[in-house]
Amino acid sequence: MARLSSHFLNGIDGTHAGDVGVSLWRIGKDHGRELVFKSQSEADGRFAEEVAGDADAQYEMVVDSGAYFRKRAQQLDGRRICDEIVIRFRMPDPARRYHFPIIMSPNSYSCWWSS
């Protein structure tokens, strides 16, 4: 099984972003979406889930960054307009680790893939 993980960091104050909702969707050839799992990050901003990866499928990891910033005083007086971070990717090796660290702010994010 593949292992999907992330580490969410708050780009405003540099802290770990705990209790951030995340879901994974499998995108079919007909572009239909199937929920694989819903999870959330731990207090240290990390989450990890095992996935029965399909080498031919596309996936979307959806991070509920808007809900995270709505719970905090850092929401910039209503000027936050981004609600989700969506990363579309493939998992060509179903036995590999796919790790996507994300630095997120109310209206921007930066992510990368590391194994």
C-alpha atoms as a PDB file:
ATOM      1  CA  MET A   1       0.000   0.000   0.000  1.00  0.00           C
ATOM      2  CA  ALA A   2       1.081   3.557  -0.666  1.00  0.00           C
ATOM      3  CA  ARG A   3       1.524   5.958   2.242  1.00  0.00           C
ATOM      4  CA  LEU A   4       0.219   9.509   1.825  1.00  0.00           C
ATOM      5  CA  SER A   5       1.402  12.068   4.355  1.00  0.00           C
ATOM      6  CA  SER A   6       1.771  15.777   4.902  1.00  0.00           C
ATOM      7  CA  HIS A   7       3.019  18.333   7.388  1.00  0.00           C
ATOM      8  CA  PHE A   8       0.953  21.528   7.553  1.00  0.00           C
ATOM      9  CA  LEU A   9       2.669  24.700   8.726  1.00  0.00           C
ATOM     10  CA  ASN A  10       1.040  28.050   9.491  1.00  0.00           C
ATOM     11  CA  GLY A  11       2.785  30.547   7.192  1.00  0.00           C
ATOM     12  CA  ILE A  12       1.789  33.540   9.325  1.00  0.00           C
ATOM     13  CA  ASP A  13       3.420  32.577  12.605  1.00  0.00           C
ATOM     14  CA  GLY A  14       5.491  29.513  11.661  1.00  0.00           C
ATOM     15  CA  THR A  15       3.649  27.119  13.983  1.00  0.00           C
ATOM     16  CA  HIS A  16       2.435  23.608  13.231  1.00  0.00           C
ATOM     17  CA  ALA A  17      -1.116  23.639  11.857  1.00  0.00           C
ATOM     18  CA  GLY A  18      -2.976  21.053  13.908  1.00  0.00           C
ATOM     19  CA  ASP A  19      -6.572  19.901  13.481  1.00  0.00           C
ATOM     20  CA  VAL A  20      -6.645  20.662   9.740  1.00  0.00           C
ATOM     21  CA  GLY A  21      -9.151  18.588   7.776  1.00  0.00           C
ATOM     22  CA  VAL A  22      -7.891  16.665   4.755  1.00  0.00           C
ATOM     23  CA  SER A  23      -9.611  14.347   2.316  1.00  0.00           C
ATOM     24  CA  LEU A  24      -8.364  12.223  -0.545  1.00  0.00           C
ATOM     25  CA  TRP A  25     -10.408  11.651  -3.699  1.00  0.00           C
ATOM     26  CA  ARG A  26      -9.751   9.184  -6.530  1.00  0.00           C
ATOM     27  CA  ILE A  27     -10.487  10.769  -9.925  1.00  0.00           C
ATOM     28  CA  GLY A  28     -11.862   8.274 -12.435  1.00  0.00           C
ATOM     29  CA  LYS A  29     -11.332   8.217 -16.183  1.00  0.00           C
ATOM     30  CA  ASP A  30     -14.817   9.735 -16.510  1.00  0.00           C
ATOM     31  CA  HIS A  31     -13.640  12.522 -14.112  1.00  0.00           C
ATOM     32  CA  GLY A  32     -15.987  11.257 -11.404  1.00  0.00           C
ATOM     33  CA  ARG A  33     -14.706  11.563  -7.846  1.00  0.00           C
ATOM     34  CA  GLU A  34     -14.679   8.786  -5.220  1.00  0.00           C
ATOM     35  CA  LEU A  35     -13.837   9.552  -1.585  1.00  0.00           C
ATOM     36  CA  VAL A  36     -10.883   7.458  -0.400  1.00  0.00           C
ATOM     37  CA  PHE A  37     -10.640   8.870   3.150  1.00  0.00           C
ATOM     38  CA  LYS A  38     -11.195  11.867   5.402  1.00  0.00           C
ATOM     39  CA  SER A  39      -8.679  12.659   8.114  1.00  0.00           C
ATOM     40  CA  GLN A  40      -7.122  15.549   9.998  1.00  0.00           C
ATOM     41  CA  SER A  41      -3.696  16.605  11.113  1.00  0.00           C
ATOM     42  CA  GLU A  42      -2.475  15.934  14.643  1.00  0.00           C
ATOM     43  CA  ALA A  43      -1.407  18.746  16.979  1.00  0.00           C
ATOM     44  CA  ASP A  44       2.068  18.674  15.386  1.00  0.00           C
ATOM     45  CA  GLY A  45       0.547  19.448  11.948  1.00  0.00           C
ATOM     46  CA  ARG A  46       1.163  15.967  10.540  1.00  0.00           C
ATOM     47  CA  PHE A  47      -1.105  13.324   9.096  1.00  0.00           C
ATOM     48  CA  ALA A  48      -0.453   9.991   7.380  1.00  0.00           C
ATOM     49  CA  GLU A  49      -2.768   7.398   5.846  1.00  0.00           C
ATOM     50  CA  GLU A  50      -2.249   4.114   4.025  1.00  0.00           C
ATOM     51  CA  VAL A  51      -3.831   4.049   0.548  1.00  0.00           C
ATOM     52  CA  ALA A  52      -4.466   1.138  -1.789  1.00  0.00           C
ATOM     53  CA  GLY A  53      -2.950   3.116  -4.662  1.00  0.00           C
ATOM     54  CA  ASP A  54      -3.977   2.685  -8.274  1.00  0.00           C
ATOM     55  CA  ALA A  55      -1.055   3.451 -10.608  1.00  0.00           C
ATOM     56  CA  ASP A  56      -3.438   4.550 -13.381  1.00  0.00           C
ATOM     57  CA  ALA A  57      -5.614   6.868 -11.270  1.00  0.00           C
ATOM     58  CA  GLN A  58      -5.356  10.542 -10.458  1.00  0.00           C
ATOM     59  CA  TYR A  59      -5.934  11.718  -6.909  1.00  0.00           C
ATOM     60  CA  GLU A  60      -6.903  15.001  -5.288  1.00  0.00           C
ATOM     61  CA  MET A  61      -5.807  15.835  -1.783  1.00  0.00           C
ATOM     62  CA  VAL A  62      -8.113  18.561  -0.454  1.00  0.00           C
ATOM     63  CA  VAL A  63      -6.923  20.516   2.596  1.00  0.00           C
ATOM     64  CA  ASP A  64      -9.526  22.540   4.501  1.00  0.00           C
ATOM     65  CA  SER A  65      -7.289  25.547   5.110  1.00  0.00           C
ATOM     66  CA  GLY A  66     -10.236  27.966   5.285  1.00  0.00           C
ATOM     67  CA  ALA A  67     -11.757  26.244   8.317  1.00  0.00           C
ATOM     68  CA  TYR A  68      -8.348  26.259  10.027  1.00  0.00           C
ATOM     69  CA  PHE A  69      -7.904  30.020   9.597  1.00  0.00           C
ATOM     70  CA  ARG A  70     -11.550  30.791  10.483  1.00  0.00           C
ATOM     71  CA  LYS A  71     -10.856  29.261  13.928  1.00  0.00           C
ATOM     72  CA  ARG A  72      -7.888  31.558  14.460  1.00  0.00           C
ATOM     73  CA  ALA A  73      -7.540  35.302  15.018  1.00  0.00           C
ATOM     74  CA  GLN A  74      -5.335  35.381  11.902  1.00  0.00           C
ATOM     75  CA  GLN A  75      -8.157  35.550   9.381  1.00  0.00           C
ATOM     76  CA  LEU A  76      -7.235  39.090   8.290  1.00  0.00           C
ATOM     77  CA  ASP A  77     -10.548  40.821   9.085  1.00  0.00           C
ATOM     78  CA  GLY A  78     -12.582  38.966   6.452  1.00  0.00           C
ATOM     79  CA  ARG A  79     -10.053  39.339   3.649  1.00  0.00           C
ATOM     80  CA  ARG A  80      -9.461  35.595   3.441  1.00  0.00           C
ATOM     81  CA  ILE A  81     -10.915  34.302   0.159  1.00  0.00           C
ATOM     82  CA  CYS A  82      -9.251  30.885  -0.258  1.00  0.00           C
ATOM     83  CA  ASP A  83     -11.130  28.007   1.392  1.00  0.00           C
ATOM     84  CA  GLU A  84      -9.279  24.904   0.225  1.00  0.00           C
ATOM     85  CA  ILE A  85      -5.929  23.751  -1.064  1.00  0.00           C
ATOM     86  CA  VAL A  86      -6.324  21.167  -3.821  1.00  0.00           C
ATOM     87  CA  ILE A  87      -3.358  19.114  -4.998  1.00  0.00           C
ATOM     88  CA  ARG A  88      -3.912  16.742  -7.940  1.00  0.00           C
ATOM     89  CA  PHE A  89      -1.317  14.018  -8.400  1.00  0.00           C
ATOM     90  CA  ARG A  90      -0.675  10.394  -9.348  1.00  0.00           C
ATOM     91  CA  MET A  91       0.816   7.549  -7.303  1.00  0.00           C
ATOM     92  CA  PRO A  92       2.583   5.462  -9.976  1.00  0.00           C
ATOM     93  CA  ASP A  93       4.240   3.163  -7.429  1.00  0.00           C
ATOM     94  CA  PRO A  94       1.558   1.734  -5.109  1.00  0.00           C
ATOM     95  CA  ALA A  95       4.206   0.768  -2.527  1.00  0.00           C
ATOM     96  CA  ARG A  96       5.872   4.188  -2.243  1.00  0.00           C
ATOM     97  CA  ARG A  97       5.560   7.039   0.243  1.00  0.00           C
ATOM     98  CA  TYR A  98       4.074  10.294  -1.077  1.00  0.00           C
ATOM     99  CA  HIS A  99       4.727  13.212   1.278  1.00  0.00           C
ATOM    100  CA  PHE A 100       3.455  16.737   0.528  1.00  0.00           C
ATOM    101  CA  PRO A 101       4.578  19.375   3.075  1.00  0.00           C
ATOM    102  CA  ILE A 102       2.409  22.501   2.881  1.00  0.00           C
ATOM    103  CA  ILE A 103       3.080  25.993   4.224  1.00  0.00           C
ATOM    104  CA  MET A 104      -0.313  27.711   4.254  1.00  0.00           C
ATOM    105  CA  SER A 105      -1.589  31.217   4.816  1.00  0.00           C
ATOM    106  CA  PRO A 106      -5.139  32.606   4.525  1.00  0.00           C
ATOM    107  CA  ASN A 107      -4.704  33.437   0.818  1.00  0.00           C
ATOM    108  CA  SER A 108      -1.693  31.442  -0.359  1.00  0.00           C
ATOM    109  CA  TYR A 109       0.214  28.227   0.049  1.00  0.00           C
ATOM    110  CA  SER A 110       3.400  26.504  -0.994  1.00  0.00           C
ATOM    111  CA  CYS A 111       3.768  22.748  -1.340  1.00  0.00           C
ATOM    112  CA  TRP A 112       6.211  20.260  -2.741  1.00  0.00           C
ATOM    113  CA  TRP A 113       6.556  16.516  -3.039  1.00  0.00           C
ATOM    114  CA  SER A 114       9.173  14.564  -1.171  1.00  0.00           C
ATOM    115  CA  SER A 115       9.510  10.835  -0.772  1.00  0.00           C
END
